Amino acid sequence: MWEAVGFIDGFISAYNAYTSNGKQDVLAGMSFNDSYKWIASWCRDNPSKAVNDGIEALIWKFNPVKFKLKLE
């Protein structure tokens, strides 16, 4: 579990660092705990997908223009 939490934190932090001026909050004020719950729910609904797909879906939800992702 802690590996997944570290992966999620790192993915989101890296996206924040490399977006616009490096200060954008891609979670739009959502706490990390709430993001874990959102991603866990997404993963339960999409069991054949990878965790990073869930993280990308969360980022896309709050940043549809800045994060261009082709979701299938």
N, C-alpha and C. Protein backbone atom coordinates (compact mmCIF):
# COMPACT_ATOMS: atom_id res chain seq x y z
N MET A 1 0.81 -1.19 0.00
CA MET A 1 0.00 0.00 0.00
C MET A 1 0.86 1.26 0.00
N TRP A 2 1.92 1.29 0.86
CA TRP A 2 2.73 2.50 0.93
C TRP A 2 3.44 2.78 -0.38
N GLU A 3 3.74 1.73 -1.14
CA GLU A 3 4.35 1.94 -2.45
C GLU A 3 3.40 2.71 -3.36
N ALA A 4 2.11 2.35 -3.30
CA ALA A 4 1.12 3.03 -4.13
C ALA A 4 0.97 4.48 -3.70
N VAL A 5 0.95 4.73 -2.41
CA VAL A 5 0.83 6.10 -1.90
C VAL A 5 2.03 6.92 -2.37
N GLY A 6 3.22 6.37 -2.27
CA GLY A 6 4.41 7.07 -2.73
C GLY A 6 4.38 7.33 -4.22
N PHE A 7 3.89 6.37 -4.99
CA PHE A 7 3.79 6.53 -6.43
C PHE A 7 2.80 7.64 -6.77
N ILE A 8 1.65 7.64 -6.11
CA ILE A 8 0.63 8.67 -6.36
C ILE A 8 1.18 10.05 -6.01
N ASP A 9 1.78 10.18 -4.82
CA ASP A 9 2.35 11.46 -4.40
C ASP A 9 3.41 11.94 -5.39
N GLY A 10 4.29 11.04 -5.79
CA GLY A 10 5.35 11.40 -6.72
C GLY A 10 4.84 11.81 -8.08
N PHE A 11 3.85 11.08 -8.58
CA PHE A 11 3.27 11.38 -9.89
C PHE A 11 2.65 12.77 -9.88
N ILE A 12 1.84 13.04 -8.85
CA ILE A 12 1.15 14.34 -8.76
C ILE A 12 2.15 15.46 -8.52
N SER A 13 3.12 15.24 -7.66
CA SER A 13 4.13 16.26 -7.38
C SER A 13 4.95 16.57 -8.63
N ALA A 14 5.32 15.55 -9.39
CA ALA A 14 6.07 15.76 -10.62
C ALA A 14 5.23 16.53 -11.63
N TYR A 15 3.96 16.20 -11.73
CA TYR A 15 3.10 16.93 -12.66
C TYR A 15 3.01 18.39 -12.25
N ASN A 16 2.83 18.65 -10.95
CA ASN A 16 2.80 20.03 -10.46
C ASN A 16 4.09 20.76 -10.81
N ALA A 17 5.23 20.10 -10.66
CA ALA A 17 6.52 20.74 -10.90
C ALA A 17 6.74 21.09 -12.37
N TYR A 18 6.17 20.32 -13.27
CA TYR A 18 6.43 20.52 -14.69
C TYR A 18 5.28 21.13 -15.45
N THR A 19 4.32 21.69 -14.74
CA THR A 19 3.18 22.31 -15.38
C THR A 19 3.25 23.82 -15.19
N SER A 20 3.04 24.54 -16.25
CA SER A 20 3.02 26.01 -16.25
C SER A 20 4.24 26.55 -15.53
N ASN A 21 4.01 27.28 -14.42
CA ASN A 21 5.11 27.91 -13.70
C ASN A 21 5.65 27.03 -12.57
N GLY A 22 5.22 25.78 -12.51
CA GLY A 22 5.69 24.88 -11.48
C GLY A 22 4.95 25.01 -10.17
N LYS A 23 3.97 25.91 -10.09
CA LYS A 23 3.25 26.12 -8.85
C LYS A 23 1.78 25.73 -8.95
N GLN A 24 1.37 25.20 -10.06
CA GLN A 24 -0.03 24.84 -10.24
C GLN A 24 -0.40 23.69 -9.32
N ASP A 25 -1.56 23.78 -8.74
CA ASP A 25 -2.08 22.71 -7.90
C ASP A 25 -3.06 21.91 -8.75
N VAL A 26 -2.59 20.81 -9.33
CA VAL A 26 -3.44 20.05 -10.24
C VAL A 26 -4.62 19.39 -9.54
N LEU A 27 -4.57 19.31 -8.23
CA LEU A 27 -5.69 18.73 -7.48
C LEU A 27 -6.73 19.79 -7.12
N ALA A 28 -6.47 21.03 -7.51
CA ALA A 28 -7.41 22.13 -7.26
C ALA A 28 -7.84 22.20 -5.79
N GLY A 29 -6.88 22.06 -4.90
CA GLY A 29 -7.18 22.17 -3.48
C GLY A 29 -7.62 20.88 -2.81
N MET A 30 -7.76 19.80 -3.57
CA MET A 30 -8.14 18.51 -2.99
C MET A 30 -6.98 18.00 -2.14
N SER A 31 -7.28 17.46 -0.97
CA SER A 31 -6.22 16.92 -0.11
C SER A 31 -5.67 15.63 -0.72
N PHE A 32 -4.46 15.27 -0.32
CA PHE A 32 -3.91 14.01 -0.81
C PHE A 32 -4.79 12.84 -0.35
N ASN A 33 -5.31 12.89 0.88
CA ASN A 33 -6.18 11.81 1.35
C ASN A 33 -7.42 11.67 0.48
N ASP A 34 -8.02 12.80 0.11
CA ASP A 34 -9.19 12.73 -0.78
C ASP A 34 -8.80 12.22 -2.16
N SER A 35 -7.59 12.57 -2.61
CA SER A 35 -7.15 12.07 -3.93
C SER A 35 -6.96 10.56 -3.87
N TYR A 36 -6.43 10.02 -2.74
CA TYR A 36 -6.28 8.57 -2.62
C TYR A 36 -7.64 7.89 -2.69
N LYS A 37 -8.63 8.46 -2.01
CA LYS A 37 -9.98 7.89 -2.02
C LYS A 37 -10.56 7.92 -3.43
N TRP A 38 -10.36 9.04 -4.14
CA TRP A 38 -10.88 9.17 -5.50
C TRP A 38 -10.24 8.14 -6.41
N ILE A 39 -8.91 8.02 -6.32
CA ILE A 39 -8.18 7.06 -7.16
C ILE A 39 -8.57 5.63 -6.80
N ALA A 40 -8.72 5.33 -5.52
CA ALA A 40 -9.13 3.98 -5.10
C ALA A 40 -10.50 3.65 -5.68
N SER A 41 -11.41 4.60 -5.64
CA SER A 41 -12.74 4.39 -6.21
C SER A 41 -12.64 4.17 -7.72
N TRP A 42 -11.83 4.98 -8.39
CA TRP A 42 -11.66 4.84 -9.84
C TRP A 42 -11.09 3.46 -10.16
N CYS A 43 -10.11 3.01 -9.37
CA CYS A 43 -9.51 1.70 -9.60
C CYS A 43 -10.51 0.57 -9.38
N ARG A 44 -11.38 0.70 -8.38
CA ARG A 44 -12.42 -0.32 -8.17
C ARG A 44 -13.38 -0.37 -9.37
N ASP A 45 -13.65 0.80 -9.95
CA ASP A 45 -14.55 0.86 -11.11
C ASP A 45 -13.87 0.45 -12.41
N ASN A 46 -12.55 0.43 -12.42
CA ASN A 46 -11.77 0.12 -13.63
C ASN A 46 -10.66 -0.88 -13.29
N PRO A 47 -11.03 -2.09 -12.87
CA PRO A 47 -10.04 -3.05 -12.37
C PRO A 47 -9.00 -3.50 -13.40
N SER A 48 -9.30 -3.36 -14.67
CA SER A 48 -8.34 -3.80 -15.68
C SER A 48 -7.33 -2.71 -16.05
N LYS A 49 -7.48 -1.53 -15.48
CA LYS A 49 -6.58 -0.41 -15.77
C LYS A 49 -5.49 -0.30 -14.71
N ALA A 50 -4.43 0.41 -15.04
CA ALA A 50 -3.31 0.63 -14.12
C ALA A 50 -3.58 1.83 -13.21
N VAL A 51 -2.89 1.87 -12.08
CA VAL A 51 -3.04 2.97 -11.13
C VAL A 51 -2.72 4.30 -11.78
N ASN A 52 -1.67 4.34 -12.61
CA ASN A 52 -1.33 5.62 -13.24
C ASN A 52 -2.44 6.11 -14.15
N ASP A 53 -3.26 5.21 -14.71
CA ASP A 53 -4.42 5.64 -15.49
C ASP A 53 -5.42 6.37 -14.60
N GLY A 54 -5.58 5.90 -13.37
CA GLY A 54 -6.47 6.56 -12.42
C GLY A 54 -5.96 7.93 -12.02
N ILE A 55 -4.65 8.03 -11.83
CA ILE A 55 -4.06 9.33 -11.47
C ILE A 55 -4.25 10.31 -12.62
N GLU A 56 -4.00 9.84 -13.84
CA GLU A 56 -4.19 10.70 -15.01
C GLU A 56 -5.65 11.12 -15.15
N ALA A 57 -6.57 10.22 -14.85
CA ALA A 57 -8.00 10.57 -14.91
C ALA A 57 -8.34 11.65 -13.88
N LEU A 58 -7.75 11.55 -12.69
CA LEU A 58 -7.97 12.57 -11.67
C LEU A 58 -7.41 13.92 -12.12
N ILE A 59 -6.19 13.93 -12.64
CA ILE A 59 -5.60 15.17 -13.12
C ILE A 59 -6.44 15.74 -14.26
N TRP A 60 -6.87 14.90 -15.16
CA TRP A 60 -7.70 15.34 -16.30
C TRP A 60 -9.00 15.95 -15.81
N LYS A 61 -9.58 15.39 -14.75
CA LYS A 61 -10.84 15.90 -14.22
C LYS A 61 -10.71 17.36 -13.83
N PHE A 62 -9.60 17.74 -13.22
CA PHE A 62 -9.41 19.11 -12.75
C PHE A 62 -8.66 20.00 -13.74
N ASN A 63 -8.04 19.41 -14.76
CA ASN A 63 -7.20 20.17 -15.70
C ASN A 63 -7.39 19.68 -17.12
N PRO A 64 -8.59 19.73 -17.65
CA PRO A 64 -8.81 19.16 -18.98
C PRO A 64 -8.06 19.86 -20.11
N VAL A 65 -7.72 21.12 -19.95
CA VAL A 65 -7.02 21.83 -21.01
C VAL A 65 -5.52 21.68 -20.86
N LYS A 66 -5.00 21.77 -19.64
CA LYS A 66 -3.57 21.72 -19.41
C LYS A 66 -2.99 20.33 -19.58
N PHE A 67 -3.80 19.32 -19.27
CA PHE A 67 -3.31 17.94 -19.32
C PHE A 67 -4.02 17.25 -20.48
N LYS A 68 -3.36 17.15 -21.60
CA LYS A 68 -3.97 16.54 -22.78
C LYS A 68 -3.71 15.06 -22.75
N LEU A 69 -4.74 14.32 -22.47
CA LEU A 69 -4.63 12.87 -22.32
C LEU A 69 -5.72 12.22 -23.15
N LYS A 70 -5.35 11.19 -23.86
CA LYS A 70 -6.33 10.45 -24.62
C LYS A 70 -6.82 9.30 -23.76
N LEU A 71 -7.98 9.47 -23.16
CA LEU A 71 -8.57 8.41 -22.34
C LEU A 71 -9.40 7.51 -23.25
N GLU A 72 -9.22 6.22 -23.08
CA GLU A 72 -9.97 5.28 -23.91
C GLU A 72 -11.06 4.62 -23.11
